[in-house]
PDB file of N, CA and C in Angstrom:
ATOM      1  N   MET A   1       0.827  -1.189   0.000  1.00  0.00           N
ATOM      2  CA  MET A   1       0.000   0.000   0.000  1.00  0.00           C
ATOM      3  C   MET A   1       0.869   1.249   0.000  1.00  0.00           C
ATOM      4  N   GLU A   2       1.991   1.163  -0.572  1.00  0.00           N
ATOM      5  CA  GLU A   2       2.889   2.307  -0.621  1.00  0.00           C
ATOM      6  C   GLU A   2       2.234   3.471  -1.368  1.00  0.00           C
ATOM      7  N   GLY A   3       2.271   4.650  -0.751  1.00  0.00           N
ATOM      8  CA  GLY A   3       1.717   5.841  -1.379  1.00  0.00           C
ATOM      9  C   GLY A   3       0.217   6.025  -1.201  1.00  0.00           C
ATOM     10  N   ASN A   4      -0.448   5.070  -0.590  1.00  0.00           N
ATOM     11  CA  ASN A   4      -1.887   5.200  -0.361  1.00  0.00           C
ATOM     12  C   ASN A   4      -2.141   5.642   1.068  1.00  0.00           C
ATOM     13  N   THR A   5      -3.125   6.469   1.238  1.00  0.00           N
ATOM     14  CA  THR A   5      -3.500   6.938   2.561  1.00  0.00           C
ATOM     15  C   THR A   5      -4.913   6.474   2.857  1.00  0.00           C
ATOM     16  N   ILE A   6      -5.095   5.921   4.030  1.00  0.00           N
ATOM     17  CA  ILE A   6      -6.419   5.527   4.488  1.00  0.00           C
ATOM     18  C   ILE A   6      -6.717   6.378   5.708  1.00  0.00           C
ATOM     19  N   GLY A   7      -7.876   6.947   5.753  1.00  0.00           N
ATOM     20  CA  GLY A   7      -8.222   7.792   6.889  1.00  0.00           C
ATOM     21  C   GLY A   7      -9.727   7.906   7.042  1.00  0.00           C
ATOM     22  N   CYS A   8     -10.102   8.614   8.078  1.00  0.00           N
ATOM     23  CA  CYS A   8     -11.518   8.851   8.306  1.00  0.00           C
ATOM     24  C   CYS A   8     -11.681  10.143   9.093  1.00  0.00           C
ATOM     25  N   ILE A   9     -12.881  10.634   9.100  1.00  0.00           N
ATOM     26  CA  ILE A   9     -13.219  11.810   9.889  1.00  0.00           C
ATOM     27  C   ILE A   9     -14.227  11.364  10.926  1.00  0.00           C
ATOM     28  N   LEU A  10     -13.989  11.711  12.171  1.00  0.00           N
ATOM     29  CA  LEU A  10     -14.884  11.361  13.262  1.00  0.00           C
ATOM     30  C   LEU A  10     -15.561  12.628  13.752  1.00  0.00           C
ATOM     31  N   LEU A  11     -16.873  12.622  13.792  1.00  0.00           N
ATOM     32  CA  LEU A  11     -17.626  13.759  14.306  1.00  0.00           C
ATOM     33  C   LEU A  11     -17.984  13.482  15.756  1.00  0.00           C
ATOM     34  N   LYS A  12     -17.732  14.447  16.616  1.00  0.00           N
ATOM     35  CA  LYS A  12     -17.989  14.289  18.047  1.00  0.00           C
ATOM     36  C   LYS A  12     -18.941  15.389  18.501  1.00  0.00           C
ATOM     37  N   ASP A  13     -19.841  15.067  19.398  1.00  0.00           N
ATOM     38  CA  ASP A  13     -20.804  16.032  19.939  1.00  0.00           C
ATOM     39  C   ASP A  13     -21.613  16.705  18.832  1.00  0.00           C
ATOM     40  N   VAL A  14     -22.140  15.902  17.942  1.00  0.00           N
ATOM     41  CA  VAL A  14     -22.918  16.398  16.809  1.00  0.00           C
ATOM     42  C   VAL A  14     -24.257  16.943  17.296  1.00  0.00           C
ATOM     43  N   ILE A  15     -24.700  18.032  16.713  1.00  0.00           N
ATOM     44  CA  ILE A  15     -25.990  18.631  17.042  1.00  0.00           C
ATOM     45  C   ILE A  15     -26.853  18.611  15.788  1.00  0.00           C
ATOM     46  N   PHE A  16     -28.055  18.104  15.916  1.00  0.00           N
ATOM     47  CA  PHE A  16     -29.000  18.089  14.804  1.00  0.00           C
ATOM     48  C   PHE A  16     -30.089  19.116  15.076  1.00  0.00           C
ATOM     49  N   LEU A  17     -30.412  19.907  14.082  1.00  0.00           N
ATOM     50  CA  LEU A  17     -31.500  20.864  14.217  1.00  0.00           C
ATOM     51  C   LEU A  17     -32.833  20.130  14.189  1.00  0.00           C
ATOM     52  N   ALA A  18     -33.826  20.717  14.848  1.00  0.00           N
ATOM     53  CA  ALA A  18     -35.179  20.180  14.761  1.00  0.00           C
ATOM     54  C   ALA A  18     -35.631  20.272  13.306  1.00  0.00           C
ATOM     55  N   GLU A  19     -36.466  19.359  12.881  1.00  0.00           N
ATOM     56  CA  GLU A  19     -36.889  19.329  11.481  1.00  0.00           C
ATOM     57  C   GLU A  19     -37.503  20.658  11.045  1.00  0.00           C
ATOM     58  N   ARG A  20     -38.198  21.335  11.939  1.00  0.00           N
ATOM     59  CA  ARG A  20     -38.806  22.633  11.591  1.00  0.00           C
ATOM     60  C   ARG A  20     -37.759  23.688  11.235  1.00  0.00           C
ATOM     61  N   ASP A  21     -36.497  23.459  11.657  1.00  0.00           N
ATOM     62  CA  ASP A  21     -35.420  24.418  11.407  1.00  0.00           C
ATOM     63  C   ASP A  21     -34.516  24.018  10.248  1.00  0.00           C
ATOM     64  N   TRP A  22     -34.851  22.946   9.569  1.00  0.00           N
ATOM     65  CA  TRP A  22     -34.067  22.558   8.397  1.00  0.00           C
ATOM     66  C   TRP A  22     -34.218  23.637   7.339  1.00  0.00           C
ATOM     67  N   PHE A  23     -33.206  23.798   6.509  1.00  0.00           N
ATOM     68  CA  PHE A  23     -33.257  24.804   5.452  1.00  0.00           C
ATOM     69  C   PHE A  23     -32.680  24.216   4.171  1.00  0.00           C
ATOM     70  N   LEU A  24     -33.041  24.818   3.071  1.00  0.00           N
ATOM     71  CA  LEU A  24     -32.563  24.338   1.774  1.00  0.00           C
ATOM     72  C   LEU A  24     -31.066  24.584   1.640  1.00  0.00           C
ATOM     73  N   PRO A  25     -30.368  23.731   0.930  1.00  0.00           N
ATOM     74  CA  PRO A  25     -28.931  23.952   0.720  1.00  0.00           C
ATOM     75  C   PRO A  25     -28.717  25.173  -0.175  1.00  0.00           C
ATOM     76  N   PRO A  26     -27.519  25.760  -0.124  1.00  0.00           N
ATOM     77  CA  PRO A  26     -27.240  26.899  -0.998  1.00  0.00           C
ATOM     78  C   PRO A  26     -27.310  26.491  -2.473  1.00  0.00           C
ATOM     79  N   ALA A  27     -27.479  27.476  -3.336  1.00  0.00           N
ATOM     80  CA  ALA A  27     -27.661  27.224  -4.770  1.00  0.00           C
ATOM     81  C   ALA A  27     -26.491  26.455  -5.384  1.00  0.00           C
ATOM     82  N   ASP A  28     -25.285  26.647  -4.857  1.00  0.00           N
ATOM     83  CA  ASP A  28     -24.113  25.982  -5.443  1.00  0.00           C
ATOM     84  C   ASP A  28     -23.801  24.631  -4.795  1.00  0.00           C
ATOM     85  N   TRP A  29     -24.728  24.107  -4.002  1.00  0.00           N
ATOM     86  CA  TRP A  29     -24.548  22.805  -3.361  1.00  0.00           C
ATOM     87  C   TRP A  29     -24.647  21.699  -4.402  1.00  0.00           C
ATOM     88  N   SER A  30     -23.830  20.679  -4.278  1.00  0.00           N
ATOM     89  CA  SER A  30     -23.869  19.538  -5.186  1.00  0.00           C
ATOM     90  C   SER A  30     -24.200  18.278  -4.398  1.00  0.00           C
ATOM     91  N   ARG A  31     -25.080  17.471  -4.912  1.00  0.00           N
ATOM     92  CA  ARG A  31     -25.421  16.203  -4.250  1.00  0.00           C
ATOM     93  C   ARG A  31     -24.357  15.143  -4.481  1.00  0.00           C
ATOM     94  N   CYS A  32     -23.361  15.445  -5.272  1.00  0.00           N
ATOM     95  CA  CYS A  32     -22.311  14.477  -5.617  1.00  0.00           C
ATOM     96  C   CYS A  32     -20.993  14.770  -4.900  1.00  0.00           C
ATOM     97  N   ILE A  33     -21.058  15.356  -3.730  1.00  0.00           N
ATOM     98  CA  ILE A  33     -19.841  15.658  -2.979  1.00  0.00           C
ATOM     99  C   ILE A  33     -19.319  14.366  -2.369  1.00  0.00           C
ATOM    100  N   VAL A  34     -18.096  14.034  -2.650  1.00  0.00           N
ATOM    101  CA  VAL A  34     -17.492  12.825  -2.108  1.00  0.00           C
ATOM    102  C   VAL A  34     -16.779  13.143  -0.799  1.00  0.00           C
ATOM    103  N   ARG A  35     -16.028  14.233  -0.798  1.00  0.00           N
ATOM    104  CA  ARG A  35     -15.319  14.608   0.429  1.00  0.00           C
ATOM    105  C   ARG A  35     -14.779  16.025   0.292  1.00  0.00           C
ATOM    106  N   GLY A  36     -14.493  16.628   1.425  1.00  0.00           N
ATOM    107  CA  GLY A  36     -13.741  17.866   1.466  1.00  0.00           C
ATOM    108  C   GLY A  36     -14.449  19.140   1.067  1.00  0.00           C
ATOM    109  N   LYS A  37     -15.772  19.145   0.972  1.00  0.00           N
ATOM    110  CA  LYS A  37     -16.467  20.378   0.595  1.00  0.00           C
ATOM    111  C   LYS A  37     -16.475  21.324   1.781  1.00  0.00           C
ATOM    112  N   THR A  38     -16.066  22.550   1.548  1.00  0.00           N
ATOM    113  CA  THR A  38     -16.076  23.563   2.602  1.00  0.00           C
ATOM    114  C   THR A  38     -16.668  24.855   2.055  1.00  0.00           C
ATOM    115  N   TYR A  39     -17.125  25.692   2.970  1.00  0.00           N
ATOM    116  CA  TYR A  39     -17.592  27.030   2.633  1.00  0.00           C
ATOM    117  C   TYR A  39     -16.937  28.006   3.596  1.00  0.00           C
ATOM    118  N   ALA A  40     -16.386  29.073   3.075  1.00  0.00           N
ATOM    119  CA  ALA A  40     -15.862  30.144   3.928  1.00  0.00           C
ATOM    120  C   ALA A  40     -17.056  30.915   4.473  1.00  0.00           C
ATOM    121  N   ILE A  41     -17.010  31.256   5.751  1.00  0.00           N
ATOM    122  CA  ILE A  41     -18.136  31.935   6.384  1.00  0.00           C
ATOM    123  C   ILE A  41     -18.381  33.315   5.783  1.00  0.00           C
ATOM    124  N   ASP A  42     -17.354  33.899   5.167  1.00  0.00           N
ATOM    125  CA  ASP A  42     -17.534  35.223   4.565  1.00  0.00           C
ATOM    126  C   ASP A  42     -17.989  35.152   3.101  1.00  0.00           C
ATOM    127  N   SER A  43     -18.271  33.936   2.613  1.00  0.00           N
ATOM    128  CA  SER A  43     -18.833  33.796   1.267  1.00  0.00           C
ATOM    129  C   SER A  43     -20.357  33.838   1.378  1.00  0.00           C
ATOM    130  N   GLU A  44     -21.017  34.094   0.277  1.00  0.00           N
ATOM    131  CA  GLU A  44     -22.481  34.159   0.288  1.00  0.00           C
ATOM    132  C   GLU A  44     -23.091  32.843   0.769  1.00  0.00           C
ATOM    133  N   SER A  45     -22.622  31.725   0.234  1.00  0.00           N
ATOM    134  CA  SER A  45     -23.164  30.419   0.621  1.00  0.00           C
ATOM    135  C   SER A  45     -22.801  30.065   2.055  1.00  0.00           C
ATOM    136  N   GLY A  46     -21.568  30.335   2.449  1.00  0.00           N
ATOM    137  CA  GLY A  46     -21.138  30.046   3.811  1.00  0.00           C
ATOM    138  C   GLY A  46     -21.920  30.843   4.835  1.00  0.00           C
ATOM    139  N   ASN A  47     -22.157  32.111   4.534  1.00  0.00           N
ATOM    140  CA  ASN A  47     -22.918  32.955   5.448  1.00  0.00           C
ATOM    141  C   ASN A  47     -24.371  32.498   5.527  1.00  0.00           C
ATOM    142  N   TYR A  48     -24.930  32.075   4.407  1.00  0.00           N
ATOM    143  CA  TYR A  48     -26.298  31.550   4.378  1.00  0.00           C
ATOM    144  C   TYR A  48     -26.425  30.343   5.312  1.00  0.00           C
ATOM    145  N   ILE A  49     -25.491  29.410   5.214  1.00  0.00           N
ATOM    146  CA  ILE A  49     -25.513  28.218   6.066  1.00  0.00           C
ATOM    147  C   ILE A  49     -25.348  28.609   7.529  1.00  0.00           C
ATOM    148  N   PHE A  50     -24.372  29.457   7.816  1.00  0.00           N
ATOM    149  CA  PHE A  50     -24.094  29.871   9.190  1.00  0.00           C
ATOM    150  C   PHE A  50     -25.304  30.566   9.817  1.00  0.00           C
ATOM    151  N   GLU A  51     -25.878  31.533   9.113  1.00  0.00           N
ATOM    152  CA  GLU A  51     -27.014  32.286   9.661  1.00  0.00           C
ATOM    153  C   GLU A  51     -28.211  31.376   9.928  1.00  0.00           C
ATOM    154  N   ASN A  52     -28.501  30.472   9.015  1.00  0.00           N
ATOM    155  CA  ASN A  52     -29.629  29.563   9.219  1.00  0.00           C
ATOM    156  C   ASN A  52     -29.361  28.573  10.338  1.00  0.00           C
ATOM    157  N   PHE A  53     -28.122  28.132  10.476  1.00  0.00           N
ATOM    158  CA  PHE A  53     -27.769  27.236  11.573  1.00  0.00           C
ATOM    159  C   PHE A  53     -27.935  27.949  12.919  1.00  0.00           C
ATOM    160  N   ILE A  54     -27.464  29.185  13.008  1.00  0.00           N
ATOM    161  CA  ILE A  54     -27.592  29.952  14.258  1.00  0.00           C
ATOM    162  C   ILE A  54     -29.063  30.156  14.614  1.00  0.00           C
ATOM    163  N   LYS A  55     -29.901  30.466  13.634  1.00  0.00           N
ATOM    164  CA  LYS A  55     -31.339  30.614  13.896  1.00  0.00           C
ATOM    165  C   LYS A  55     -31.910  29.324  14.485  1.00  0.00           C
ATOM    166  N   GLY A  56     -31.549  28.196  13.909  1.00  0.00           N
ATOM    167  CA  GLY A  56     -32.025  26.912  14.418  1.00  0.00           C
ATOM    168  C   GLY A  56     -31.496  26.609  15.809  1.00  0.00           C
ATOM    169  N   MET A  57     -30.230  26.931  16.054  1.00  0.00           N
ATOM    170  CA  MET A  57     -29.636  26.700  17.381  1.00  0.00           C
ATOM    171  C   MET A  57     -30.316  27.564  18.439  1.00  0.00           C
ATOM    172  N   ASN A  58     -30.642  28.797  18.098  1.00  0.00           N
ATOM    173  CA  ASN A  58     -31.315  29.683  19.052  1.00  0.00           C
ATOM    174  C   ASN A  58     -32.675  29.129  19.444  1.00  0.00           C
ATOM    175  N   ARG A  59     -33.324  28.437  18.531  1.00  0.00           N
ATOM    176  CA  ARG A  59     -34.619  27.842  18.853  1.00  0.00           C
ATOM    177  C   ARG A  59     -34.463  26.599  19.725  1.00  0.00           C
ATOM    178  N   LEU A  60     -33.292  25.948  19.677  1.00  0.00           N
ATOM    179  CA  LEU A  60     -33.043  24.778  20.528  1.00  0.00           C
ATOM    180  C   LEU A  60     -32.778  25.182  21.968  1.00  0.00           C
ATOM    181  N   ALA A  61     -32.235  26.377  22.157  1.00  0.00           N
ATOM    182  CA  ALA A  61     -31.825  26.838  23.501  1.00  0.00           C
ATOM    183  C   ALA A  61     -33.011  27.139  24.383  1.00  0.00           C
TER     184      ALA A  61
END
């Protein structure tokens, strides 16, 4: 297996929004993401996700 990397990502303390707080993905979202998709919080899509997540979290509190 020379030159091959095997790895995984472990999510800890995951929080799920209530279904009423789910929101549509940003316009540039792809259903074919295999790995490594990120959004900068200062981008339009990143800010959209962040703001909607915060709204949902505030309703959980």
